[in-house]
Each structure stands twice: as structure tokens, then as C-alpha cells.
Amino acid sequence: MPKFVVDFASLDQAPAPDGRLDGPAFHRNHEPIWSAIVPFLGTQEGDVLELGSGTGQHAMTFAARSPRLSWWPSDISPTHLASIAAWRAEARLANLRAPQRIDLTRADWTWTGDNGSGAELAAMLCINVLHISPWVVSQNLIAGAVRFLRPGGRLFVYGPFKRDGAHTAPSNAAFDESLRAQNPQWGLRDIADLDSLAQAADLTPAALTAMPANNWVLAFTRNN
């Protein structure tokens, strides 16, 4: 069964003295995720906002590979924000910006870039968040994509999902059951439900890229 982490500080490992945390899933999934997003990001310039950056390792790694993009990590957890800042300090990348606190349970969430609050984004990235958060987070993520993506910009979402009401693997069904047992507001989201949110908000339905371990990358594009 897949494992999930809400707070990386809760893992059975001590953080580094500077606050850096190490996410085991990062080592398994960052290459497949990069392969799914680089065909688009490799052609872009501008800003990328990551929601729920966790340890900060994805943002650090992807920023190093895309110097024409400015990467803006974010999270709601103080320990995660400290870890992101520590990885950033170690990386010393000019295009990896300081982390900011963003609460996706708020409908009015915003972000701050070089040109102020809510500047247009080339892309947004959200990794392993939607299944360990209430449905309102999915709603607010999609709504935020419409507010902040520039025309043609993309929202990339990684994680396990249902398709048309069905699980894609028995392990995902068991994972979903375990999540809902811990918190009834959690659970695997259905791609069809996310598509409905996206189309109502003038985003395209998700383009799907299959990932290892029964995960997916969903890519939504802003139409106008």
C-alpha cells in the first residue's frame, strides 16, 4: 500500500542541523515527474509556483534544471518552510526563491512574486497534496490556477487518483480506505471531478501521464 506523509518532520529521521528534511518519495518520483513536465517547462520562461512543497527537494532539483524559470516554493507547515529555506540556502540557485506560506483551504489565497501579489505564472505544480487534504483544497487550487496562470499556462498535479469512479489498482483502493479512516475529508480524488472543476473555470480537461506506482500527472491548461 502507498504511504503518505502530512508532516515530514514526523518521519523516523532527525532533520539536519539546519532544518533540512529528506522525503523518501522524492527519491522515487522526482525523475518521472520531471519527465512529464519538462516538455512544457523546457520551452517556457517566467515564474512557476509550487503548492505544498514539503521538504523543498522537488523545487530545488527542478530549479537547477530550468534556469530560465523562477521557482517559488510554498507550504503551510512551519517545519516544511524551514526545510525549504535550508535546501535553498544549500543550493544557492538564483532562480529558486524564498518559500512563502500559502493556505489552500482559503478561497482568497494568493502569492507574492517579484512584481507583487498575484503576478501571472507560466505554471503551477502540486505534488501529493490533494489526497491528504479536504475537497476545498482541490477547489481552491483549480480556482487559483485560473486567477494566476497566464493564457496557455499549465497546472501540473501529481498523485494517485480515481478514474470515472473506479480505482486504478487494488493498492490504491486500500490506500484510499486508509486515508478516509484517518480523516473522512481525505481520499483519492476522481479525475472526472477535477475535470468538472477545471472546465467550469475555463481550464482544459486534464492531459494524463501515467507514472510509476499507480500515480498520474494531470496537466490542466488555462484557455484564455
Protein backbone atom coordinates (compact mmCIF):
# COMPACT_ATOMS: atom_id res chain seq x y z
CA MET A 1 0.00 0.00 0.00
CA PRO A 2 1.33 3.50 -0.74
CA LYS A 3 2.47 5.58 2.18
CA PHE A 4 1.64 9.20 2.78
CA VAL A 5 3.27 11.98 4.73
CA VAL A 6 1.49 15.06 6.01
CA ASP A 7 4.41 16.36 8.09
CA PHE A 8 7.87 15.23 7.01
CA ALA A 9 9.18 16.13 10.46
CA SER A 10 7.19 13.15 11.78
CA LEU A 11 9.33 10.63 9.90
CA ASP A 12 11.69 8.40 11.86
CA GLN A 13 14.70 10.50 10.99
CA ALA A 14 16.16 13.59 12.57
CA PRO A 15 16.28 16.73 10.44
CA ALA A 16 19.68 18.10 9.55
CA PRO A 17 21.01 20.75 11.96
CA ASP A 18 19.95 23.46 9.51
CA GLY A 19 16.38 22.12 9.34
CA ARG A 20 16.60 20.19 6.07
CA LEU A 21 14.19 17.27 5.82
CA ASP A 22 14.54 14.35 3.41
CA GLY A 23 11.39 12.99 1.77
CA PRO A 24 11.75 9.32 0.76
CA ALA A 25 9.16 9.72 -2.01
CA PHE A 26 11.24 12.48 -3.61
CA HIS A 27 13.96 9.98 -4.47
CA ARG A 28 11.40 7.70 -6.15
CA ASN A 29 9.28 10.19 -8.03
CA HIS A 30 11.23 13.30 -8.99
CA GLU A 31 12.63 11.84 -12.22
CA PRO A 32 9.25 10.55 -13.51
CA ILE A 33 7.57 13.84 -12.59
CA TRP A 34 10.29 15.83 -14.33
CA SER A 35 9.92 13.72 -17.47
CA ALA A 36 6.20 14.59 -17.55
CA ILE A 37 6.57 18.34 -17.04
CA VAL A 38 9.78 19.17 -18.91
CA PRO A 39 8.27 19.04 -22.43
CA PHE A 40 6.26 22.13 -21.45
CA LEU A 41 8.51 23.78 -18.88
CA GLY A 42 11.57 23.35 -21.07
CA THR A 43 10.06 25.81 -23.56
CA GLN A 44 8.96 28.43 -21.02
CA GLU A 45 10.29 31.49 -19.25
CA GLY A 46 8.74 33.21 -16.24
CA ASP A 47 7.53 32.04 -12.85
CA VAL A 48 6.50 28.64 -11.50
CA LEU A 49 4.62 28.37 -8.21
CA GLU A 50 4.77 25.07 -6.32
CA LEU A 51 1.94 24.47 -3.83
CA GLY A 52 2.67 22.16 -0.92
CA SER A 53 6.41 21.96 -1.49
CA GLY A 54 7.03 19.68 1.50
CA THR A 55 10.76 19.28 2.11
CA GLY A 56 11.66 21.60 -0.78
CA GLN A 57 13.67 18.98 -2.68
CA HIS A 58 11.49 19.00 -5.80
CA ALA A 59 11.68 22.77 -6.17
CA MET A 60 15.44 22.75 -5.64
CA THR A 61 16.03 19.96 -8.17
CA PHE A 62 13.70 21.33 -10.83
CA ALA A 63 15.01 24.88 -10.46
CA ALA A 64 18.53 23.63 -11.13
CA ARG A 65 17.30 22.09 -14.38
CA SER A 66 15.35 25.11 -15.65
CA PRO A 67 17.41 28.27 -15.18
CA ARG A 68 15.05 30.35 -17.36
CA LEU A 69 12.25 29.80 -14.84
CA SER A 70 11.95 31.32 -11.38
CA TRP A 71 10.68 28.72 -8.90
CA TRP A 72 8.55 29.83 -5.96
CA PRO A 73 8.04 27.09 -3.34
CA SER A 74 5.30 27.30 -0.73
CA ASP A 75 3.76 25.33 2.11
CA ILE A 76 1.62 25.78 5.20
CA SER A 77 3.78 23.83 7.69
CA PRO A 78 6.45 25.78 9.63
CA THR A 79 8.80 22.77 9.64
CA HIS A 80 8.40 22.40 5.89
CA LEU A 81 9.02 26.09 5.29
CA ALA A 82 12.21 25.82 7.36
CA SER A 83 13.33 22.79 5.35
CA ILE A 84 12.63 24.53 2.04
CA ALA A 85 14.65 27.54 3.16
CA ALA A 86 17.53 25.31 4.23
CA TRP A 87 17.63 23.40 0.93
CA ARG A 88 17.51 26.75 -0.88
CA ALA A 89 20.45 28.03 1.14
CA GLU A 90 22.45 24.93 0.27
CA ALA A 91 21.57 25.06 -3.43
CA ARG A 92 22.42 28.75 -3.90
CA LEU A 93 20.34 28.96 -7.06
CA ALA A 94 19.46 32.45 -8.25
CA ASN A 95 16.16 31.21 -9.69
CA LEU A 96 15.00 29.41 -6.51
CA ARG A 97 13.12 31.95 -4.41
CA ALA A 98 12.36 32.08 -0.72
CA PRO A 99 9.42 29.92 0.41
CA GLN A 100 6.14 31.56 1.29
CA ARG A 101 3.23 30.38 3.40
CA ILE A 102 0.13 29.59 1.35
CA ASP A 103 -3.03 28.09 2.84
CA LEU A 104 -5.08 26.38 0.12
CA THR A 105 -8.05 25.98 2.45
CA ARG A 106 -8.62 29.72 1.90
CA ALA A 107 -10.56 30.69 -1.20
CA ASP A 108 -8.74 34.03 -1.29
CA TRP A 109 -5.22 32.60 -1.19
CA THR A 110 -2.62 34.48 -3.17
CA TRP A 111 1.12 34.53 -3.75
CA THR A 112 3.82 37.18 -3.95
CA GLY A 113 6.41 37.44 -6.71
CA ASP A 114 8.98 39.99 -7.80
CA ASN A 115 6.27 42.21 -9.25
CA GLY A 116 3.94 41.95 -6.30
CA SER A 117 0.96 39.81 -5.37
CA GLY A 118 -0.68 37.54 -7.89
CA ALA A 119 1.60 38.02 -10.89
CA GLU A 120 0.96 35.82 -13.93
CA LEU A 121 2.53 32.38 -13.80
CA ALA A 122 3.94 30.16 -16.53
CA ALA A 123 2.98 27.10 -14.48
CA MET A 124 1.86 25.74 -11.13
CA LEU A 125 2.91 22.42 -9.61
CA CYS A 126 1.23 20.46 -6.81
CA ILE A 127 2.70 17.12 -5.71
CA ASN A 128 0.97 14.64 -3.37
CA VAL A 129 -1.39 17.12 -1.76
CA LEU A 130 -4.96 16.58 -2.92
CA HIS A 131 -5.49 13.14 -1.34
CA ILE A 132 -4.35 14.33 2.12
CA SER A 133 -6.48 17.47 2.19
CA PRO A 134 -10.19 18.30 2.14
CA TRP A 135 -12.03 18.72 -1.15
CA VAL A 136 -12.00 22.50 -0.72
CA VAL A 137 -8.23 22.43 -1.35
CA SER A 138 -8.84 20.91 -4.80
CA GLN A 139 -11.48 23.53 -5.48
CA ASN A 140 -9.24 26.39 -4.39
CA LEU A 141 -6.25 25.05 -6.31
CA ILE A 142 -8.23 24.98 -9.56
CA ALA A 143 -9.72 28.41 -8.89
CA GLY A 144 -6.25 29.77 -8.19
CA ALA A 145 -4.95 28.38 -11.46
CA VAL A 146 -7.50 30.47 -13.32
CA ARG A 147 -6.56 33.59 -11.35
CA PHE A 148 -2.81 33.27 -11.64
CA LEU A 149 -1.85 31.30 -14.75
CA ARG A 150 -1.20 33.29 -17.88
CA PRO A 151 -3.09 32.20 -21.01
CA GLY A 152 -1.62 28.88 -22.08
CA GLY A 153 -0.09 28.33 -18.64
CA ARG A 154 -0.40 24.90 -17.06
CA LEU A 155 -1.26 23.43 -13.70
CA PHE A 156 0.51 20.12 -13.06
CA VAL A 157 -0.86 17.88 -10.30
CA TYR A 158 0.85 14.64 -9.25
CA GLY A 159 -0.53 11.84 -7.12
CA PRO A 160 -2.88 8.84 -7.03
CA PHE A 161 -6.36 9.36 -8.50
CA LYS A 162 -9.56 7.54 -9.32
CA ARG A 163 -10.85 7.44 -12.90
CA ASP A 164 -14.59 7.67 -13.53
CA GLY A 165 -15.40 6.46 -10.05
CA ALA A 166 -13.04 3.46 -10.08
CA HIS A 167 -9.63 2.87 -8.56
CA THR A 168 -6.82 2.09 -10.97
CA ALA A 169 -5.27 -0.58 -8.72
CA PRO A 170 -6.23 -2.61 -5.64
CA SER A 171 -3.42 -0.94 -3.70
CA ASN A 172 -4.95 2.46 -4.44
CA ALA A 173 -8.33 1.27 -3.19
CA ALA A 174 -6.74 0.13 0.09
CA PHE A 175 -4.81 3.40 0.30
CA ASP A 176 -7.99 5.40 -0.19
CA GLU A 177 -9.74 3.42 2.55
CA SER A 178 -6.87 4.04 4.97
CA LEU A 179 -6.86 7.76 4.25
CA ARG A 180 -10.61 8.12 4.81
CA ALA A 181 -10.34 6.12 8.02
CA GLN A 182 -7.81 8.61 9.34
CA ASN A 183 -9.71 11.67 8.11
CA PRO A 184 -13.10 11.46 6.35
CA GLN A 185 -12.25 14.62 4.40
CA TRP A 186 -9.23 12.95 2.79
CA GLY A 187 -9.08 10.41 -0.01
CA LEU A 188 -8.17 9.88 -3.66
CA ARG A 189 -9.84 12.42 -5.93
CA ASP A 190 -11.58 11.40 -9.11
CA ILE A 191 -10.09 12.85 -12.28
CA ALA A 192 -13.61 13.35 -13.64
CA ASP A 193 -14.47 15.57 -10.66
CA LEU A 194 -11.30 17.61 -11.15
CA ASP A 195 -12.10 17.93 -14.85
CA SER A 196 -15.53 19.28 -13.97
CA LEU A 197 -13.95 21.93 -11.77
CA ALA A 198 -11.43 22.78 -14.47
CA GLN A 199 -13.94 23.12 -17.29
CA ALA A 200 -16.21 25.30 -15.18
CA ALA A 201 -13.20 27.56 -14.56
CA ASP A 202 -12.05 27.74 -18.22
CA LEU A 203 -9.23 25.24 -17.92
CA THR A 204 -8.89 22.30 -20.27
CA PRO A 205 -9.65 18.79 -19.02
CA ALA A 206 -6.55 17.08 -17.68
CA ALA A 207 -4.00 15.62 -20.04
CA LEU A 208 -2.86 12.42 -18.32
CA THR A 209 0.63 10.98 -17.97
CA ALA A 210 0.89 7.62 -16.22
CA MET A 211 3.54 7.46 -13.50
CA PRO A 212 5.11 4.55 -11.59
CA ALA A 213 3.28 3.06 -8.58
CA ASN A 214 -0.20 3.80 -10.00
CA ASN A 215 0.22 7.57 -9.87
CA TRP A 216 -0.54 10.20 -12.51
CA VAL A 217 0.50 13.64 -13.60
CA LEU A 218 -2.53 15.71 -14.59
CA ALA A 219 -1.89 18.78 -16.76
CA PHE A 220 -4.59 21.46 -16.96
CA THR A 221 -4.13 24.39 -19.35
CA ARG A 222 -5.65 27.84 -19.00
CA ASN A 223 -7.62 28.65 -22.15
CA ASN A 224 -7.83 32.43 -22.05
